[in-house]
Amino acid sequence: MECLFKHSPLLKVAYKLTNELTDIFDKNISKEKAKKKIKKWARKAEKSGLDIFDSFISTLDKYIEGVTNYFLNRYNSGFVESLNNKIKVIKRRCYGILNINHLFRRIYLDIEGYDLYC
């Protein structure tokens, strides 16, 4: 990666900023402390001269309370997001199925797996 960073110093800055934000979420800290650290990170990202984080930072500011709720119990919605994505893929794959019961059977089969029939 160092070779890549020689050709693009801004990429190195973006990489470091991304890792710094990830490090905040890896720490076992309170919601308030996390909020302060995230806001400090956002100011640092804004001062970096990179505009790649601008829309992310505005979204982060908008939902900071919900985002920092993660630090209360360390839960996230990864499972639900994954399940929703899987169902969307199945719907695209099953385009043309007119019977809704067949679609639900296909979803159930893909989620539960073929172990049910062995």
PDB file of N, CA and C in Angstrom:
ATOM      1  N   MET A   1       0.813  -1.189   0.000  1.00  0.00           N
ATOM      2  CA  MET A   1       0.000   0.000   0.000  1.00  0.00           C
ATOM      3  C   MET A   1       0.866   1.266   0.000  1.00  0.00           C
ATOM      4  N   GLU A   2       2.048   1.137   0.549  1.00  0.00           N
ATOM      5  CA  GLU A   2       2.934   2.306   0.578  1.00  0.00           C
ATOM      6  C   GLU A   2       3.236   2.809  -0.831  1.00  0.00           C
ATOM      7  N   CYS A   3       3.380   1.884  -1.764  1.00  0.00           N
ATOM      8  CA  CYS A   3       3.623   2.269  -3.162  1.00  0.00           C
ATOM      9  C   CYS A   3       2.435   3.070  -3.697  1.00  0.00           C
ATOM     10  N   LEU A   4       1.239   2.623  -3.359  1.00  0.00           N
ATOM     11  CA  LEU A   4       0.029   3.335  -3.777  1.00  0.00           C
ATOM     12  C   LEU A   4      -0.038   4.714  -3.132  1.00  0.00           C
ATOM     13  N   PHE A   5       0.321   4.797  -1.862  1.00  0.00           N
ATOM     14  CA  PHE A   5       0.280   6.073  -1.153  1.00  0.00           C
ATOM     15  C   PHE A   5       1.301   7.066  -1.709  1.00  0.00           C
ATOM     16  N   LYS A   6       2.408   6.574  -2.268  1.00  0.00           N
ATOM     17  CA  LYS A   6       3.396   7.465  -2.894  1.00  0.00           C
ATOM     18  C   LYS A   6       2.787   8.176  -4.100  1.00  0.00           C
ATOM     19  N   HIS A   7       1.933   7.463  -4.807  1.00  0.00           N
ATOM     20  CA  HIS A   7       1.297   8.037  -5.999  1.00  0.00           C
ATOM     21  C   HIS A   7       0.072   8.887  -5.658  1.00  0.00           C
ATOM     22  N   SER A   8      -0.517   8.626  -4.491  1.00  0.00           N
ATOM     23  CA  SER A   8      -1.713   9.372  -4.090  1.00  0.00           C
ATOM     24  C   SER A   8      -1.666   9.683  -2.595  1.00  0.00           C
ATOM     25  N   PRO A   9      -1.024  10.771  -2.215  1.00  0.00           N
ATOM     26  CA  PRO A   9      -0.956  11.130  -0.796  1.00  0.00           C
ATOM     27  C   PRO A   9      -2.336  11.363  -0.172  1.00  0.00           C
ATOM     28  N   LEU A  10      -3.282  11.853  -0.966  1.00  0.00           N
ATOM     29  CA  LEU A  10      -4.635  12.057  -0.433  1.00  0.00           C
ATOM     30  C   LEU A  10      -5.304  10.736  -0.070  1.00  0.00           C
ATOM     31  N   LEU A  11      -4.974   9.694  -0.812  1.00  0.00           N
ATOM     32  CA  LEU A  11      -5.508   8.372  -0.494  1.00  0.00           C
ATOM     33  C   LEU A  11      -5.005   7.919   0.870  1.00  0.00           C
ATOM     34  N   LYS A  12      -3.765   8.232   1.180  1.00  0.00           N
ATOM     35  CA  LYS A  12      -3.199   7.878   2.489  1.00  0.00           C
ATOM     36  C   LYS A  12      -3.938   8.610   3.604  1.00  0.00           C
ATOM     37  N   VAL A  13      -4.259   9.881   3.378  1.00  0.00           N
ATOM     38  CA  VAL A  13      -5.007  10.660   4.368  1.00  0.00           C
ATOM     39  C   VAL A  13      -6.392  10.042   4.575  1.00  0.00           C
ATOM     40  N   ALA A  14      -7.062   9.707   3.473  1.00  0.00           N
ATOM     41  CA  ALA A  14      -8.398   9.101   3.561  1.00  0.00           C
ATOM     42  C   ALA A  14      -8.343   7.762   4.282  1.00  0.00           C
ATOM     43  N   TYR A  15      -7.327   6.978   3.988  1.00  0.00           N
ATOM     44  CA  TYR A  15      -7.146   5.672   4.623  1.00  0.00           C
ATOM     45  C   TYR A  15      -6.965   5.824   6.132  1.00  0.00           C
ATOM     46  N   LYS A  16      -6.125   6.769   6.535  1.00  0.00           N
ATOM     47  CA  LYS A  16      -5.886   6.998   7.963  1.00  0.00           C
ATOM     48  C   LYS A  16      -7.158   7.470   8.661  1.00  0.00           C
ATOM     49  N   LEU A  17      -7.882   8.377   8.024  1.00  0.00           N
ATOM     50  CA  LEU A  17      -9.130   8.870   8.620  1.00  0.00           C
ATOM     51  C   LEU A  17     -10.143   7.736   8.782  1.00  0.00           C
ATOM     52  N   THR A  18     -10.233   6.890   7.789  1.00  0.00           N
ATOM     53  CA  THR A  18     -11.165   5.764   7.860  1.00  0.00           C
ATOM     54  C   THR A  18     -10.808   4.837   9.015  1.00  0.00           C
ATOM     55  N   ASN A  19      -9.532   4.545   9.158  1.00  0.00           N
ATOM     56  CA  ASN A  19      -9.093   3.676  10.256  1.00  0.00           C
ATOM     57  C   ASN A  19      -9.307   4.330  11.616  1.00  0.00           C
ATOM     58  N   GLU A  20      -9.133   5.635  11.702  1.00  0.00           N
ATOM     59  CA  GLU A  20      -9.360   6.333  12.966  1.00  0.00           C
ATOM     60  C   GLU A  20     -10.826   6.237  13.384  1.00  0.00           C
ATOM     61  N   LEU A  21     -11.730   6.360  12.423  1.00  0.00           N
ATOM     62  CA  LEU A  21     -13.153   6.244  12.751  1.00  0.00           C
ATOM     63  C   LEU A  21     -13.485   4.820  13.179  1.00  0.00           C
ATOM     64  N   THR A  22     -12.920   3.848  12.498  1.00  0.00           N
ATOM     65  CA  THR A  22     -13.148   2.447  12.866  1.00  0.00           C
ATOM     66  C   THR A  22     -12.632   2.182  14.277  1.00  0.00           C
ATOM     67  N   ASP A  23     -11.495   2.757  14.613  1.00  0.00           N
ATOM     68  CA  ASP A  23     -10.930   2.577  15.958  1.00  0.00           C
ATOM     69  C   ASP A  23     -11.859   3.105  17.045  1.00  0.00           C
ATOM     70  N   ILE A  24     -12.569   4.184  16.764  1.00  0.00           N
ATOM     71  CA  ILE A  24     -13.518   4.718  17.743  1.00  0.00           C
ATOM     72  C   ILE A  24     -14.585   3.675  18.046  1.00  0.00           C
ATOM     73  N   PHE A  25     -15.093   3.030  16.992  1.00  0.00           N
ATOM     74  CA  PHE A  25     -16.159   2.042  17.187  1.00  0.00           C
ATOM     75  C   PHE A  25     -15.646   0.744  17.797  1.00  0.00           C
ATOM     76  N   ASP A  26     -14.360   0.512  17.744  1.00  0.00           N
ATOM     77  CA  ASP A  26     -13.781  -0.684  18.358  1.00  0.00           C
ATOM     78  C   ASP A  26     -13.533  -0.509  19.850  1.00  0.00           C
ATOM     79  N   LYS A  27     -13.580   0.723  20.345  1.00  0.00           N
ATOM     80  CA  LYS A  27     -13.309   0.975  21.761  1.00  0.00           C
ATOM     81  C   LYS A  27     -14.576   0.788  22.594  1.00  0.00           C
ATOM     82  N   ASN A  28     -14.374   0.329  23.808  1.00  0.00           N
ATOM     83  CA  ASN A  28     -15.482   0.162  24.741  1.00  0.00           C
ATOM     84  C   ASN A  28     -15.601   1.446  25.560  1.00  0.00           C
ATOM     85  N   ILE A  29     -16.334   2.427  25.013  1.00  0.00           N
ATOM     86  CA  ILE A  29     -16.475   3.738  25.651  1.00  0.00           C
ATOM     87  C   ILE A  29     -17.951   4.094  25.768  1.00  0.00           C
ATOM     88  N   SER A  30     -18.221   5.123  26.548  1.00  0.00           N
ATOM     89  CA  SER A  30     -19.601   5.553  26.744  1.00  0.00           C
ATOM     90  C   SER A  30     -20.130   6.259  25.503  1.00  0.00           C
ATOM     91  N   LYS A  31     -21.438   6.405  25.458  1.00  0.00           N
ATOM     92  CA  LYS A  31     -22.087   7.070  24.326  1.00  0.00           C
ATOM     93  C   LYS A  31     -21.622   8.517  24.208  1.00  0.00           C
ATOM     94  N   GLU A  32     -21.539   9.224  25.324  1.00  0.00           N
ATOM     95  CA  GLU A  32     -21.136  10.629  25.293  1.00  0.00           C
ATOM     96  C   GLU A  32     -19.688  10.797  24.843  1.00  0.00           C
ATOM     97  N   LYS A  33     -18.818   9.930  25.339  1.00  0.00           N
ATOM     98  CA  LYS A  33     -17.415  10.002  24.941  1.00  0.00           C
ATOM     99  C   LYS A  33     -17.270   9.680  23.446  1.00  0.00           C
ATOM    100  N   ALA A  34     -18.042   8.708  22.998  1.00  0.00           N
ATOM    101  CA  ALA A  34     -18.016   8.338  21.579  1.00  0.00           C
ATOM    102  C   ALA A  34     -18.497   9.502  20.719  1.00  0.00           C
ATOM    103  N   LYS A  35     -19.543  10.172  21.171  1.00  0.00           N
ATOM    104  CA  LYS A  35     -20.077  11.311  20.420  1.00  0.00           C
ATOM    105  C   LYS A  35     -19.016  12.408  20.279  1.00  0.00           C
ATOM    106  N   LYS A  36     -18.301  12.673  21.362  1.00  0.00           N
ATOM    107  CA  LYS A  36     -17.236  13.678  21.319  1.00  0.00           C
ATOM    108  C   LYS A  36     -16.132  13.259  20.361  1.00  0.00           C
ATOM    109  N   LYS A  37     -15.732  11.992  20.440  1.00  0.00           N
ATOM    110  CA  LYS A  37     -14.663  11.507  19.571  1.00  0.00           C
ATOM    111  C   LYS A  37     -15.083  11.531  18.099  1.00  0.00           C
ATOM    112  N   ILE A  38     -16.311  11.174  17.826  1.00  0.00           N
ATOM    113  CA  ILE A  38     -16.802  11.175  16.446  1.00  0.00           C
ATOM    114  C   ILE A  38     -16.864  12.601  15.903  1.00  0.00           C
ATOM    115  N   LYS A  39     -17.339  13.528  16.723  1.00  0.00           N
ATOM    116  CA  LYS A  39     -17.398  14.929  16.276  1.00  0.00           C
ATOM    117  C   LYS A  39     -15.989  15.483  16.043  1.00  0.00           C
ATOM    118  N   LYS A  40     -15.050  15.097  16.909  1.00  0.00           N
ATOM    119  CA  LYS A  40     -13.661  15.523  16.726  1.00  0.00           C
ATOM    120  C   LYS A  40     -13.102  14.937  15.428  1.00  0.00           C
ATOM    121  N   TRP A  41     -13.423  13.666  15.171  1.00  0.00           N
ATOM    122  CA  TRP A  41     -12.985  13.029  13.931  1.00  0.00           C
ATOM    123  C   TRP A  41     -13.577  13.760  12.713  1.00  0.00           C
ATOM    124  N   ALA A  42     -14.854  14.130  12.802  1.00  0.00           N
ATOM    125  CA  ALA A  42     -15.516  14.822  11.690  1.00  0.00           C
ATOM    126  C   ALA A  42     -14.839  16.165  11.404  1.00  0.00           C
ATOM    127  N   ARG A  43     -14.487  16.906  12.455  1.00  0.00           N
ATOM    128  CA  ARG A  43     -13.777  18.180  12.256  1.00  0.00           C
ATOM    129  C   ARG A  43     -12.427  17.947  11.583  1.00  0.00           C
ATOM    130  N   LYS A  44     -11.746  16.896  12.018  1.00  0.00           N
ATOM    131  CA  LYS A  44     -10.444  16.562  11.428  1.00  0.00           C
ATOM    132  C   LYS A  44     -10.608  16.196   9.947  1.00  0.00           C
ATOM    133  N   ALA A  45     -11.644  15.436   9.637  1.00  0.00           N
ATOM    134  CA  ALA A  45     -11.893  15.041   8.245  1.00  0.00           C
ATOM    135  C   ALA A  45     -12.230  16.257   7.388  1.00  0.00           C
ATOM    136  N   GLU A  46     -13.001  17.190   7.950  1.00  0.00           N
ATOM    137  CA  GLU A  46     -13.350  18.412   7.206  1.00  0.00           C
ATOM    138  C   GLU A  46     -12.117  19.272   6.939  1.00  0.00           C
ATOM    139  N   LYS A  47     -11.201  19.310   7.901  1.00  0.00           N
ATOM    140  CA  LYS A  47      -9.984  20.114   7.753  1.00  0.00           C
ATOM    141  C   LYS A  47      -8.942  19.444   6.848  1.00  0.00           C
ATOM    142  N   SER A  48      -9.138  18.178   6.546  1.00  0.00           N
ATOM    143  CA  SER A  48      -8.139  17.433   5.773  1.00  0.00           C
ATOM    144  C   SER A  48      -8.041  17.902   4.319  1.00  0.00           C
ATOM    145  N   GLY A  49      -9.052  18.594   3.860  1.00  0.00           N
ATOM    146  CA  GLY A  49      -9.049  19.033   2.465  1.00  0.00           C
ATOM    147  C   GLY A  49      -9.708  18.029   1.525  1.00  0.00           C
ATOM    148  N   LEU A  50     -10.117  16.898   2.063  1.00  0.00           N
ATOM    149  CA  LEU A  50     -10.806  15.894   1.259  1.00  0.00           C
ATOM    150  C   LEU A  50     -12.307  16.168   1.299  1.00  0.00           C
ATOM    151  N   ASP A  51     -12.948  16.149   0.149  1.00  0.00           N
ATOM    152  CA  ASP A  51     -14.395  16.341   0.143  1.00  0.00           C
ATOM    153  C   ASP A  51     -15.147  15.015   0.058  1.00  0.00           C
ATOM    154  N   ILE A  52     -14.419  13.915   0.027  1.00  0.00           N
ATOM    155  CA  ILE A  52     -15.028  12.597  -0.099  1.00  0.00           C
ATOM    156  C   ILE A  52     -15.895  12.239   1.115  1.00  0.00           C
ATOM    157  N   PHE A  53     -15.592  12.808   2.263  1.00  0.00           N
ATOM    158  CA  PHE A  53     -16.329  12.500   3.488  1.00  0.00           C
ATOM    159  C   PHE A  53     -17.498  13.461   3.739  1.00  0.00           C
ATOM    160  N   ASP A  54     -17.675  14.473   2.907  1.00  0.00           N
ATOM    161  CA  ASP A  54     -18.665  15.526   3.175  1.00  0.00           C
ATOM    162  C   ASP A  54     -20.078  14.986   3.347  1.00  0.00           C
ATOM    163  N   SER A  55     -20.556  14.175   2.417  1.00  0.00           N
ATOM    164  CA  SER A  55     -21.939  13.693   2.536  1.00  0.00           C
ATOM    165  C   SER A  55     -22.061  12.713   3.696  1.00  0.00           C
ATOM    166  N   PHE A  56     -21.010  11.923   3.931  1.00  0.00           N
ATOM    167  CA  PHE A  56     -21.018  11.007   5.076  1.00  0.00           C
ATOM    168  C   PHE A  56     -21.110  11.782   6.383  1.00  0.00           C
ATOM    169  N   ILE A  57     -20.326  12.844   6.492  1.00  0.00           N
ATOM    170  CA  ILE A  57     -20.321  13.641   7.725  1.00  0.00           C
ATOM    171  C   ILE A  57     -21.675  14.315   7.942  1.00  0.00           C
ATOM    172  N   SER A  58     -22.298  14.810   6.884  1.00  0.00           N
ATOM    173  CA  SER A  58     -23.616  15.450   7.062  1.00  0.00           C
ATOM    174  C   SER A  58     -24.653  14.413   7.493  1.00  0.00           C
ATOM    175  N   THR A  59     -24.580  13.202   6.949  1.00  0.00           N
ATOM    176  CA  THR A  59     -25.491  12.132   7.379  1.00  0.00           C
ATOM    177  C   THR A  59     -25.198  11.739   8.815  1.00  0.00           C
ATOM    178  N   LEU A  60     -23.932  11.658   9.162  1.00  0.00           N
ATOM    179  CA  LEU A  60     -23.525  11.320  10.520  1.00  0.00           C
ATOM    180  C   LEU A  60     -24.043  12.360  11.508  1.00  0.00           C
ATOM    181  N   ASP A  61     -23.922  13.641  11.159  1.00  0.00           N
ATOM    182  CA  ASP A  61     -24.445  14.708  12.023  1.00  0.00           C
ATOM    183  C   ASP A  61     -25.952  14.582  12.219  1.00  0.00           C
ATOM    184  N   LYS A  62     -26.625  14.238  11.152  1.00  0.00           N
ATOM    185  CA  LYS A  62     -28.093  14.125  11.198  1.00  0.00           C
ATOM    186  C   LYS A  62     -28.549  12.985  12.117  1.00  0.00           C
ATOM    187  N   TYR A  63     -27.804  11.886  12.099  1.00  0.00           N
ATOM    188  CA  TYR A  63     -28.212  10.689  12.851  1.00  0.00           C
ATOM    189  C   TYR A  63     -27.263  10.344  13.996  1.00  0.00           C
ATOM    190  N   ILE A  64     -26.563  11.318  14.535  1.00  0.00           N
ATOM    191  CA  ILE A  64     -25.543  11.064  15.548  1.00  0.00           C
ATOM    192  C   ILE A  64     -26.102  10.356  16.788  1.00  0.00           C
ATOM    193  N   GLU A  65     -27.316  10.706  17.186  1.00  0.00           N
ATOM    194  CA  GLU A  65     -27.916  10.053  18.361  1.00  0.00           C
ATOM    195  C   GLU A  65     -28.120   8.567  18.119  1.00  0.00           C
ATOM    196  N   GLY A  66     -28.689   8.227  16.982  1.00  0.00           N
ATOM    197  CA  GLY A  66     -28.908   6.818  16.657  1.00  0.00           C
ATOM    198  C   GLY A  66     -27.613   6.059  16.468  1.00  0.00           C
ATOM    199  N   VAL A  67     -26.650   6.680  15.817  1.00  0.00           N
ATOM    200  CA  VAL A  67     -25.365   6.029  15.577  1.00  0.00           C
ATOM    201  C   VAL A  67     -24.662   5.748  16.890  1.00  0.00           C
ATOM    202  N   THR A  68     -24.676   6.709  17.787  1.00  0.00           N
ATOM    203  CA  THR A  68     -23.961   6.513  19.060  1.00  0.00           C
ATOM    204  C   THR A  68     -24.725   5.617  20.039  1.00  0.00           C
ATOM    205  N   ASN A  69     -25.969   5.286  19.735  1.00  0.00           N
ATOM    206  CA  ASN A  69     -26.678   4.302  20.562  1.00  0.00           C
ATOM    207  C   ASN A  69     -25.978   2.948  20.514  1.00  0.00           C
ATOM    208  N   TYR A  70     -25.198   2.740  19.484  1.00  0.00           N
ATOM    209  CA  TYR A  70     -24.406   1.509  19.371  1.00  0.00           C
ATOM    210  C   TYR A  70     -23.547   1.308  20.626  1.00  0.00           C
ATOM    211  N   PHE A  71     -23.067   2.382  21.215  1.00  0.00           N
ATOM    212  CA  PHE A  71     -22.159   2.285  22.358  1.00  0.00           C
ATOM    213  C   PHE A  71     -22.876   1.935  23.655  1.00  0.00           C
ATOM    214  N   LEU A  72     -24.204   1.922  23.652  1.00  0.00           N
ATOM    215  CA  LEU A  72     -24.949   1.533  24.846  1.00  0.00           C
ATOM    216  C   LEU A  72     -24.907   0.023  25.058  1.00  0.00           C
ATOM    217  N   ASN A  73     -25.214  -0.726  24.013  1.00  0.00           N
ATOM    218  CA  ASN A  73     -25.259  -2.187  24.134  1.00  0.00           C
ATOM    219  C   ASN A  73     -24.388  -2.912  23.121  1.00  0.00           C
ATOM    220  N   ARG A  74     -23.736  -2.162  22.227  1.00  0.00           N
ATOM    221  CA  ARG A  74     -22.855  -2.709  21.198  1.00  0.00           C
ATOM    222  C   ARG A  74     -23.600  -3.591  20.202  1.00  0.00           C
ATOM    223  N   TYR A  75     -24.865  -3.257  19.934  1.00  0.00           N
ATOM    224  CA  TYR A  75     -25.640  -3.978  18.933  1.00  0.00           C
ATOM    225  C   TYR A  75     -25.677  -3.169  17.648  1.00  0.00           C
ATOM    226  N   ASN A  76     -25.824  -3.871  16.532  1.00  0.00           N
ATOM    227  CA  ASN A  76     -26.032  -3.189  15.262  1.00  0.00           C
ATOM    228  C   ASN A  76     -27.103  -3.925  14.472  1.00  0.00           C
ATOM    229  N   SER A  77     -27.470  -3.390  13.333  1.00  0.00           N
ATOM    230  CA  SER A  77     -28.547  -3.979  12.546  1.00  0.00           C
ATOM    231  C   SER A  77     -28.009  -4.821  11.395  1.00  0.00           C
ATOM    232  N   GLY A  78     -26.802  -5.320  11.526  1.00  0.00           N
ATOM    233  CA  GLY A  78     -26.168  -6.086  10.459  1.00  0.00           C
ATOM    234  C   GLY A  78     -26.968  -7.296  10.023  1.00  0.00           C
ATOM    235  N   PHE A  79     -27.524  -8.034  10.984  1.00  0.00           N
ATOM    236  CA  PHE A  79     -28.294  -9.228  10.637  1.00  0.00           C
ATOM    237  C   PHE A  79     -29.524  -8.858   9.814  1.00  0.00           C
ATOM    238  N   VAL A  80     -30.244  -7.840  10.255  1.00  0.00           N
ATOM    239  CA  VAL A  80     -31.466  -7.420   9.560  1.00  0.00           C
ATOM    240  C   VAL A  80     -31.131  -6.909   8.161  1.00  0.00           C
ATOM    241  N   GLU A  81     -30.074  -6.112   8.044  1.00  0.00           N
ATOM    242  CA  GLU A  81     -29.668  -5.588   6.739  1.00  0.00           C
ATOM    243  C   GLU A  81     -29.295  -6.739   5.803  1.00  0.00           C
ATOM    244  N   SER A  82     -28.598  -7.737   6.330  1.00  0.00           N
ATOM    245  CA  SER A  82     -28.204  -8.889   5.532  1.00  0.00           C
ATOM    246  C   SER A  82     -29.429  -9.671   5.066  1.00  0.00           C
ATOM    247  N   LEU A  83     -30.373  -9.874   5.965  1.00  0.00           N
ATOM    248  CA  LEU A  83     -31.601 -10.601   5.619  1.00  0.00           C
ATOM    249  C   LEU A  83     -32.395  -9.846   4.555  1.00  0.00           C
ATOM    250  N   ASN A  84     -32.527  -8.534   4.716  1.00  0.00           N
ATOM    251  CA  ASN A  84     -33.247  -7.734   3.717  1.00  0.00           C
ATOM    252  C   ASN A  84     -32.579  -7.830   2.354  1.00  0.00           C
ATOM    253  N   ASN A  85     -31.265  -7.769   2.332  1.00  0.00           N
ATOM    254  CA  ASN A  85     -30.536  -7.875   1.066  1.00  0.00           C
ATOM    255  C   ASN A  85     -30.741  -9.246   0.431  1.00  0.00           C
ATOM    256  N   LYS A  86     -30.696 -10.284   1.240  1.00  0.00           N
ATOM    257  CA  LYS A  86     -30.899 -11.636   0.716  1.00  0.00           C
ATOM    258  C   LYS A  86     -32.291 -11.766   0.088  1.00  0.00           C
ATOM    259  N   ILE A  87     -33.302 -11.211   0.733  1.00  0.00           N
ATOM    260  CA  ILE A  87     -34.667 -11.281   0.201  1.00  0.00           C
ATOM    261  C   ILE A  87     -34.773 -10.498  -1.104  1.00  0.00           C
ATOM    262  N   LYS A  88     -34.111  -9.341  -1.192  1.00  0.00           N
ATOM    263  CA  LYS A  88     -34.123  -8.563  -2.437  1.00  0.00           C
ATOM    264  C   LYS A  88     -33.492  -9.348  -3.585  1.00  0.00           C
ATOM    265  N   VAL A  89     -32.391 -10.038  -3.297  1.00  0.00           N
ATOM    266  CA  VAL A  89     -31.728 -10.836  -4.329  1.00  0.00           C
ATOM    267  C   VAL A  89     -32.640 -11.976  -4.779  1.00  0.00           C
ATOM    268  N   ILE A  90     -33.301 -12.625  -3.838  1.00  0.00           N
ATOM    269  CA  ILE A  90     -34.225 -13.717  -4.179  1.00  0.00           C
ATOM    270  C   ILE A  90     -35.363 -13.185  -5.041  1.00  0.00           C
ATOM    271  N   LYS A  91     -35.900 -12.015  -4.698  1.00  0.00           N
ATOM    272  CA  LYS A  91     -36.991 -11.434  -5.503  1.00  0.00           C
ATOM    273  C   LYS A  91     -36.539 -11.167  -6.934  1.00  0.00           C
ATOM    274  N   ARG A  92     -35.314 -10.659  -7.090  1.00  0.00           N
ATOM    275  CA  ARG A  92     -34.807 -10.413  -8.448  1.00  0.00           C
ATOM    276  C   ARG A  92     -34.598 -11.723  -9.199  1.00  0.00           C
ATOM    277  N   ARG A  93     -34.099 -12.708  -8.477  1.00  0.00           N
ATOM    278  CA  ARG A  93     -33.845 -14.011  -9.101  1.00  0.00           C
ATOM    279  C   ARG A  93     -35.148 -14.696  -9.507  1.00  0.00           C
ATOM    280  N   CYS A  94     -36.204 -14.434  -8.764  1.00  0.00           N
ATOM    281  CA  CYS A  94     -37.492 -15.095  -9.001  1.00  0.00           C
ATOM    282  C   CYS A  94     -38.467 -14.202  -9.762  1.00  0.00           C
ATOM    283  N   TYR A  95     -37.928 -13.277 -10.526  1.00  0.00           N
ATOM    284  CA  TYR A  95     -38.782 -12.395 -11.318  1.00  0.00           C
ATOM    285  C   TYR A  95     -39.700 -13.238 -12.199  1.00  0.00           C
ATOM    286  N   GLY A  96     -40.957 -12.920 -12.171  1.00  0.00           N
ATOM    287  CA  GLY A  96     -41.910 -13.652 -12.993  1.00  0.00           C
ATOM    288  C   GLY A  96     -42.742 -14.640 -12.209  1.00  0.00           C
ATOM    289  N   ILE A  97     -42.375 -14.909 -10.970  1.00  0.00           N
ATOM    290  CA  ILE A  97     -43.199 -15.799 -10.149  1.00  0.00           C
ATOM    291  C   ILE A  97     -44.458 -15.027  -9.768  1.00  0.00           C
ATOM    292  N   LEU A  98     -45.593 -15.530 -10.220  1.00  0.00           N
ATOM    293  CA  LEU A  98     -46.843 -14.816  -9.992  1.00  0.00           C
ATOM    294  C   LEU A  98     -47.538 -15.237  -8.703  1.00  0.00           C
ATOM    295  N   ASN A  99     -47.253 -16.429  -8.247  1.00  0.00           N
ATOM    296  CA  ASN A  99     -47.878 -16.937  -7.036  1.00  0.00           C
ATOM    297  C   ASN A  99     -47.030 -16.517  -5.831  1.00  0.00           C
ATOM    298  N   ILE A 100     -47.588 -15.705  -4.962  1.00  0.00           N
ATOM    299  CA  ILE A 100     -46.853 -15.180  -3.802  1.00  0.00           C
ATOM    300  C   ILE A 100     -46.421 -16.296  -2.859  1.00  0.00           C
ATOM    301  N   ASN A 101     -47.214 -17.377  -2.781  1.00  0.00           N
ATOM    302  CA  ASN A 101     -46.834 -18.510  -1.926  1.00  0.00           C
ATOM    303  C   ASN A 101     -45.555 -19.172  -2.423  1.00  0.00           C
ATOM    304  N   HIS A 102     -45.378 -19.249  -3.735  1.00  0.00           N
ATOM    305  CA  HIS A 102     -44.150 -19.828  -4.282  1.00  0.00           C
ATOM    306  C   HIS A 102     -42.944 -18.951  -3.947  1.00  0.00           C
ATOM    307  N   LEU A 103     -43.136 -17.629  -4.005  1.00  0.00           N
ATOM    308  CA  LEU A 103     -42.046 -16.719  -3.650  1.00  0.00           C
ATOM    309  C   LEU A 103     -41.655 -16.905  -2.184  1.00  0.00           C
ATOM    310  N   PHE A 104     -42.645 -16.991  -1.279  1.00  0.00           N
ATOM    311  CA  PHE A 104     -42.341 -17.182   0.135  1.00  0.00           C
ATOM    312  C   PHE A 104     -41.670 -18.533   0.391  1.00  0.00           C
ATOM    313  N   ARG A 105     -42.067 -19.552  -0.348  1.00  0.00           N
ATOM    314  CA  ARG A 105     -41.404 -20.852  -0.218  1.00  0.00           C
ATOM    315  C   ARG A 105     -39.939 -20.749  -0.651  1.00  0.00           C
ATOM    316  N   ARG A 106     -39.686 -20.015  -1.729  1.00  0.00           N
ATOM    317  CA  ARG A 106     -38.314 -19.840  -2.218  1.00  0.00           C
ATOM    318  C   ARG A 106     -37.470 -19.091  -1.186  1.00  0.00           C
ATOM    319  N   ILE A 107     -38.045 -18.055  -0.586  1.00  0.00           N
ATOM    320  CA  ILE A 107     -37.339 -17.296   0.453  1.00  0.00           C
ATOM    321  C   ILE A 107     -37.032 -18.208   1.640  1.00  0.00           C
ATOM    322  N   TYR A 108     -38.034 -18.974   2.076  1.00  0.00           N
ATOM    323  CA  TYR A 108     -37.851 -19.875   3.207  1.00  0.00           C
ATOM    324  C   TYR A 108     -36.778 -20.916   2.904  1.00  0.00           C
ATOM    325  N   LEU A 109     -36.815 -21.471   1.711  1.00  0.00           N
ATOM    326  CA  LEU A 109     -35.830 -22.478   1.317  1.00  0.00           C
ATOM    327  C   LEU A 109     -34.422 -21.890   1.323  1.00  0.00           C
ATOM    328  N   ASP A 110     -34.260 -20.703   0.780  1.00  0.00           N
ATOM    329  CA  ASP A 110     -32.930 -20.092   0.738  1.00  0.00           C
ATOM    330  C   ASP A 110     -32.427 -19.699   2.119  1.00  0.00           C
ATOM    331  N   ILE A 111     -33.315 -19.298   2.991  1.00  0.00           N
ATOM    332  CA  ILE A 111     -32.898 -18.883   4.332  1.00  0.00           C
ATOM    333  C   ILE A 111     -32.618 -20.083   5.227  1.00  0.00           C
ATOM    334  N   GLU A 112     -33.484 -21.070   5.192  1.00  0.00           N
ATOM    335  CA  GLU A 112     -33.323 -22.244   6.047  1.00  0.00           C
ATOM    336  C   GLU A 112     -32.353 -23.262   5.463  1.00  0.00           C
ATOM    337  N   GLY A 113     -32.171 -23.200   4.172  1.00  0.00           N
ATOM    338  CA  GLY A 113     -31.228 -24.107   3.532  1.00  0.00           C
ATOM    339  C   GLY A 113     -31.849 -25.419   3.151  1.00  0.00           C
ATOM    340  N   TYR A 114     -31.061 -26.200   2.478  1.00  0.00           N
ATOM    341  CA  TYR A 114     -31.531 -27.484   1.994  1.00  0.00           C
ATOM    342  C   TYR A 114     -31.449 -28.569   3.048  1.00  0.00           C
ATOM    343  N   ASP A 115     -30.975 -28.242   4.239  1.00  0.00           N
ATOM    344  CA  ASP A 115     -30.887 -29.227   5.325  1.00  0.00           C
ATOM    345  C   ASP A 115     -32.264 -29.772   5.700  1.00  0.00           C
ATOM    346  N   LEU A 116     -33.286 -28.962   5.437  1.00  0.00           N
ATOM    347  CA  LEU A 116     -34.639 -29.391   5.763  1.00  0.00           C
ATOM    348  C   LEU A 116     -35.057 -30.626   4.966  1.00  0.00           C
ATOM    349  N   TYR A 117     -34.434 -30.824   3.826  1.00  0.00           N
ATOM    350  CA  TYR A 117     -34.873 -31.897   2.926  1.00  0.00           C
ATOM    351  C   TYR A 117     -33.907 -33.074   2.879  1.00  0.00           C
ATOM    352  N   CYS A 118     -32.950 -33.086   3.768  1.00  0.00           N
ATOM    353  CA  CYS A 118     -31.984 -34.195   3.794  1.00  0.00           C
ATOM    354  C   CYS A 118     -32.338 -35.226   4.828  1.00  0.00           C
TER     355      CYS A 118
END
